[in-house]
Amino acid sequence: MNPLTLHYHPLSSCCHKVLIALDELGIDAALRLLDLGDAAQRAAHRALWPTGKMPLLVDRGRPVPETSIIIEHLQRHHARPGRTLIPADADAALEVRLWDRLFDLYVMTPMQALTGDLLRPETERDPLGVAQARERLASTYALLDERLAGRTWVCGDAFSMADCAAAPALFYAVTHLPFAPQQASLSAYFERLVARPSVARAIEQARPWFAHYPGRAGLARRFYDPAAGAAAA
């Protein structure tokens, strides 16, 4: 019996972050689709973790919440030998944790605010909040473009937890605010991310659900219709 169960939804950006990490670390976990719109499932999930947030890892009956904590837990206790997303060197590990946090706070959070606003009735939209979220994304894109010049991954040559955070955050963020034409380093990084097998598999899992994504109008056709991308190539 698999000791690990991940309560998740394949459309969730936060869940993508952990799915990518599981793949990168070579870990098999049972995936339990969570429908928070179902009252019984929502109540059962809150019994496991009172905030009701997902993803939630359950390891031998112990709930492990929050994406970065889940990834550190997985690396410490379940990763295959030689697989790592957080370096052993303390200073290098701090850099990975810093950029992981920056992606969560300054890309994922404004992206989620923009997505959430699309779920509101027209009369309850928040133009000021939308403008602030778009401004935060634009300033973060500029920071990232400068950071990524000459780099393969955000913290150097090795794919890390920071890149696990970057992939879903940027994937959904560009549906609301595309990169500026001059942001070549960031654009190239995004292409490396979506070509990464672990990231591509997370996108593949989400594909049947993209019709339900509020920002689908900004989603590149190649992601919801792979045949179109193949034809273009």
Protein backbone atom coordinates (compact mmCIF):
# COMPACT_ATOMS: atom_id res chain seq x y z
CA MET A 1 0.00 0.00 0.00
CA ASN A 2 1.37 3.42 -0.98
CA PRO A 3 2.10 5.43 2.18
CA LEU A 4 1.67 8.72 0.31
CA THR A 5 -1.59 10.28 -0.83
CA LEU A 6 -1.78 13.66 -2.50
CA HIS A 7 -5.15 15.39 -2.29
CA TYR A 8 -5.18 17.65 -5.32
CA HIS A 9 -6.91 19.00 -8.39
CA PRO A 10 -5.14 18.84 -11.78
CA LEU A 11 -6.13 22.42 -12.69
CA SER A 12 -4.63 23.97 -9.54
CA SER A 13 -1.34 25.85 -9.95
CA CYS A 14 -0.31 24.98 -6.39
CA CYS A 15 -0.97 21.32 -7.09
CA HIS A 16 1.14 21.51 -10.24
CA LYS A 17 4.06 22.66 -8.13
CA VAL A 18 3.92 19.49 -6.03
CA LEU A 19 3.17 17.19 -8.98
CA ILE A 20 6.31 18.49 -10.70
CA ALA A 21 8.35 17.89 -7.54
CA LEU A 22 7.03 14.33 -7.17
CA ASP A 23 8.08 13.62 -10.73
CA GLU A 24 11.50 15.23 -10.34
CA LEU A 25 12.20 13.35 -7.10
CA GLY A 26 11.08 10.02 -8.57
CA ILE A 27 8.33 9.52 -6.00
CA ASP A 28 5.10 7.63 -6.54
CA ALA A 29 2.08 8.93 -4.63
CA ALA A 30 -1.58 8.00 -4.81
CA LEU A 31 -3.48 10.93 -6.31
CA ARG A 32 -6.87 11.71 -4.83
CA LEU A 33 -8.94 14.15 -6.87
CA LEU A 34 -10.47 16.74 -4.56
CA ASP A 35 -13.70 18.53 -5.47
CA LEU A 36 -14.06 21.41 -3.02
CA GLY A 37 -17.44 22.16 -4.56
CA ASP A 38 -18.75 18.95 -3.01
CA ALA A 39 -19.84 19.59 0.59
CA ALA A 40 -18.99 16.09 1.81
CA GLN A 41 -15.51 16.15 0.25
CA ARG A 42 -14.92 19.66 1.58
CA ALA A 43 -15.86 18.60 5.12
CA ALA A 44 -13.69 15.49 4.95
CA HIS A 45 -10.77 17.55 3.68
CA ARG A 46 -11.16 20.12 6.47
CA ALA A 47 -11.12 17.26 8.96
CA LEU A 48 -7.65 16.44 7.63
CA TRP A 49 -6.45 20.04 7.41
CA PRO A 50 -8.66 22.82 8.84
CA THR A 51 -7.63 25.53 6.35
CA GLY A 52 -9.19 23.46 3.58
CA LYS A 53 -6.36 24.34 1.19
CA MET A 54 -4.84 22.02 -1.38
CA PRO A 55 -2.66 20.30 -2.21
CA LEU A 56 -2.37 18.27 0.95
CA LEU A 57 0.04 15.36 1.30
CA VAL A 58 -0.87 12.59 3.71
CA ASP A 59 2.12 10.47 4.71
CA ARG A 60 1.13 7.37 6.67
CA GLY A 61 -1.84 9.23 8.09
CA ARG A 62 0.06 12.44 8.86
CA PRO A 63 -1.11 15.55 6.99
CA VAL A 64 1.69 17.60 5.43
CA PRO A 65 0.36 20.96 4.12
CA GLU A 66 1.77 23.88 2.10
CA THR A 67 3.61 23.32 -1.15
CA SER A 68 7.16 24.21 -0.11
CA ILE A 69 6.87 22.20 3.11
CA ILE A 70 5.49 19.25 1.15
CA ILE A 71 8.44 19.37 -1.24
CA GLU A 72 11.01 19.58 1.56
CA HIS A 73 9.27 16.68 3.33
CA LEU A 74 9.28 14.61 0.14
CA GLN A 75 12.97 15.27 -0.48
CA ARG A 76 13.92 14.47 3.09
CA HIS A 77 11.94 11.26 3.44
CA HIS A 78 11.04 9.81 0.05
CA ALA A 79 13.29 11.03 -2.78
CA ARG A 80 15.16 8.49 -4.85
CA PRO A 81 18.93 8.48 -4.28
CA GLY A 82 20.61 11.32 -6.12
CA ARG A 83 17.36 13.22 -6.71
CA THR A 84 17.22 16.66 -5.12
CA LEU A 85 15.39 19.96 -5.49
CA ILE A 86 17.02 21.75 -2.56
CA PRO A 87 20.82 21.69 -2.48
CA ALA A 88 22.74 20.40 0.51
CA ASP A 89 24.86 23.55 0.70
CA ALA A 90 23.16 25.87 3.20
CA ASP A 91 23.69 29.11 1.26
CA ALA A 92 22.57 27.55 -2.01
CA ALA A 93 19.50 26.15 -0.24
CA LEU A 94 18.62 29.62 1.04
CA GLU A 95 18.78 30.98 -2.50
CA VAL A 96 16.41 28.27 -3.72
CA ARG A 97 14.00 28.98 -0.86
CA LEU A 98 14.17 32.70 -1.59
CA TRP A 99 13.21 32.32 -5.26
CA ASP A 100 10.60 29.72 -4.41
CA ARG A 101 9.02 32.28 -2.10
CA LEU A 102 9.30 35.06 -4.67
CA PHE A 103 7.45 33.00 -7.27
CA ASP A 104 4.74 32.10 -4.76
CA LEU A 105 4.26 35.65 -3.49
CA TYR A 106 4.94 37.80 -6.54
CA VAL A 107 3.78 35.64 -9.45
CA MET A 108 1.40 33.02 -8.05
CA THR A 109 -0.47 35.38 -5.72
CA PRO A 110 -1.25 38.17 -8.23
CA MET A 111 -2.07 35.54 -10.86
CA GLN A 112 -4.60 33.98 -8.48
CA ALA A 113 -6.06 37.42 -7.75
CA LEU A 114 -6.59 37.99 -11.48
CA THR A 115 -8.12 34.53 -11.89
CA GLY A 116 -10.37 35.05 -8.89
CA ASP A 117 -11.64 38.35 -10.23
CA LEU A 118 -12.85 36.59 -13.39
CA LEU A 119 -15.03 34.34 -11.20
CA ARG A 120 -16.91 37.31 -9.79
CA PRO A 121 -20.11 38.73 -11.27
CA GLU A 122 -19.44 41.80 -13.41
CA THR A 123 -20.96 44.06 -10.74
CA GLU A 124 -18.52 42.74 -8.11
CA ARG A 125 -15.28 43.02 -10.08
CA ASP A 126 -12.35 44.84 -8.48
CA PRO A 127 -10.67 47.10 -11.08
CA LEU A 128 -8.19 48.52 -8.57
CA GLY A 129 -7.19 45.05 -7.35
CA VAL A 130 -6.79 43.88 -10.96
CA ALA A 131 -4.61 46.88 -11.81
CA GLN A 132 -2.44 46.28 -8.75
CA ALA A 133 -2.06 42.58 -9.56
CA ARG A 134 -1.08 43.32 -13.14
CA GLU A 135 1.43 45.92 -11.95
CA ARG A 136 2.94 43.41 -9.53
CA LEU A 137 3.27 40.83 -12.29
CA ALA A 138 4.85 43.34 -14.66
CA SER A 139 7.46 44.40 -12.10
CA THR A 140 8.21 40.78 -11.23
CA TYR A 141 8.60 39.85 -14.89
CA ALA A 142 11.22 42.59 -15.21
CA LEU A 143 13.06 41.28 -12.16
CA LEU A 144 12.97 37.72 -13.49
CA ASP A 145 14.14 38.69 -16.96
CA GLU A 146 17.19 40.34 -15.46
CA ARG A 147 17.81 37.41 -13.11
CA LEU A 148 17.57 34.79 -15.86
CA ALA A 149 20.06 36.36 -18.26
CA GLY A 150 22.72 33.71 -18.83
CA ARG A 151 21.01 31.16 -16.57
CA THR A 152 19.41 27.85 -17.48
CA TRP A 153 17.28 27.64 -14.33
CA VAL A 154 16.47 30.34 -11.84
CA CYS A 155 19.15 29.29 -9.34
CA GLY A 156 21.78 28.14 -11.81
CA ASP A 157 22.37 24.92 -13.73
CA ALA A 158 20.22 22.62 -11.59
CA PHE A 159 16.42 22.47 -11.71
CA SER A 160 15.22 23.21 -8.17
CA MET A 161 12.18 23.78 -5.98
CA ALA A 162 12.20 27.38 -7.22
CA ASP A 163 11.60 26.13 -10.76
CA CYS A 164 8.80 23.87 -9.49
CA ALA A 165 7.15 27.06 -8.19
CA ALA A 166 7.95 29.04 -11.33
CA ALA A 167 6.40 26.65 -13.84
CA PRO A 168 2.72 26.77 -12.82
CA ALA A 169 2.89 30.36 -11.62
CA LEU A 170 4.18 31.61 -14.98
CA PHE A 171 2.04 29.18 -16.99
CA TYR A 172 -1.15 30.74 -15.66
CA ALA A 173 0.23 34.28 -15.20
CA VAL A 174 0.89 34.71 -18.94
CA THR A 175 -2.79 34.01 -19.65
CA HIS A 176 -3.49 37.32 -17.88
CA LEU A 177 -0.35 39.29 -18.75
CA PRO A 178 1.98 38.08 -21.54
CA PHE A 179 5.69 38.76 -21.32
CA ALA A 180 6.91 41.98 -22.91
CA PRO A 181 8.57 41.49 -26.32
CA GLN A 182 11.95 42.59 -24.93
CA GLN A 183 11.88 40.00 -22.10
CA ALA A 184 13.80 37.42 -24.10
CA SER A 185 15.50 35.74 -21.13
CA LEU A 186 12.21 35.21 -19.29
CA SER A 187 10.47 33.98 -22.46
CA ALA A 188 13.26 31.48 -23.15
CA TYR A 189 13.10 30.28 -19.54
CA PHE A 190 9.35 29.74 -19.87
CA GLU A 191 9.93 27.60 -22.96
CA ARG A 192 12.51 25.51 -21.10
CA LEU A 193 10.01 25.06 -18.26
CA VAL A 194 7.10 23.87 -20.38
CA ALA A 195 9.42 21.52 -22.31
CA ARG A 196 10.64 19.90 -19.08
CA PRO A 197 9.04 16.41 -18.94
CA SER A 198 7.78 16.83 -15.36
CA VAL A 199 6.12 20.13 -16.25
CA ALA A 200 4.73 18.80 -19.52
CA ARG A 201 3.12 15.91 -17.65
CA ALA A 202 1.46 18.29 -15.17
CA ILE A 203 0.06 20.31 -18.08
CA GLU A 204 -1.13 17.09 -19.73
CA GLN A 205 -3.05 16.12 -16.58
CA ALA A 206 -4.70 19.55 -16.53
CA ARG A 207 -5.66 19.60 -20.22
CA PRO A 208 -9.13 18.02 -19.83
CA TRP A 209 -9.94 20.70 -17.25
CA PHE A 210 -8.78 23.78 -19.16
CA ALA A 211 -12.32 24.46 -20.37
CA HIS A 212 -13.14 25.31 -16.74
CA TYR A 213 -10.21 27.69 -16.27
CA PRO A 214 -11.49 31.30 -15.96
CA GLY A 215 -8.50 32.69 -17.88
CA ARG A 216 -8.75 30.20 -20.75
CA ALA A 217 -9.11 33.00 -23.31
CA GLY A 218 -5.43 33.80 -22.74
CA LEU A 219 -4.24 30.19 -22.85
CA ALA A 220 -2.05 29.41 -25.86
CA ARG A 221 -3.74 26.93 -28.17
CA ARG A 222 -0.73 24.60 -28.11
CA PHE A 223 -1.48 23.77 -24.47
CA TYR A 224 -5.12 22.75 -24.82
CA ASP A 225 -4.79 21.43 -28.39
CA PRO A 226 -1.43 19.63 -28.76
CA ALA A 227 -2.26 18.72 -32.37
CA ALA A 228 -2.25 22.42 -33.23
CA GLY A 229 1.24 22.81 -31.79
CA ALA A 230 2.47 19.74 -33.67
CA ALA A 231 1.00 21.04 -36.92
CA ALA A 232 2.66 24.42 -36.42
CA ALA A 233 6.00 22.72 -35.81
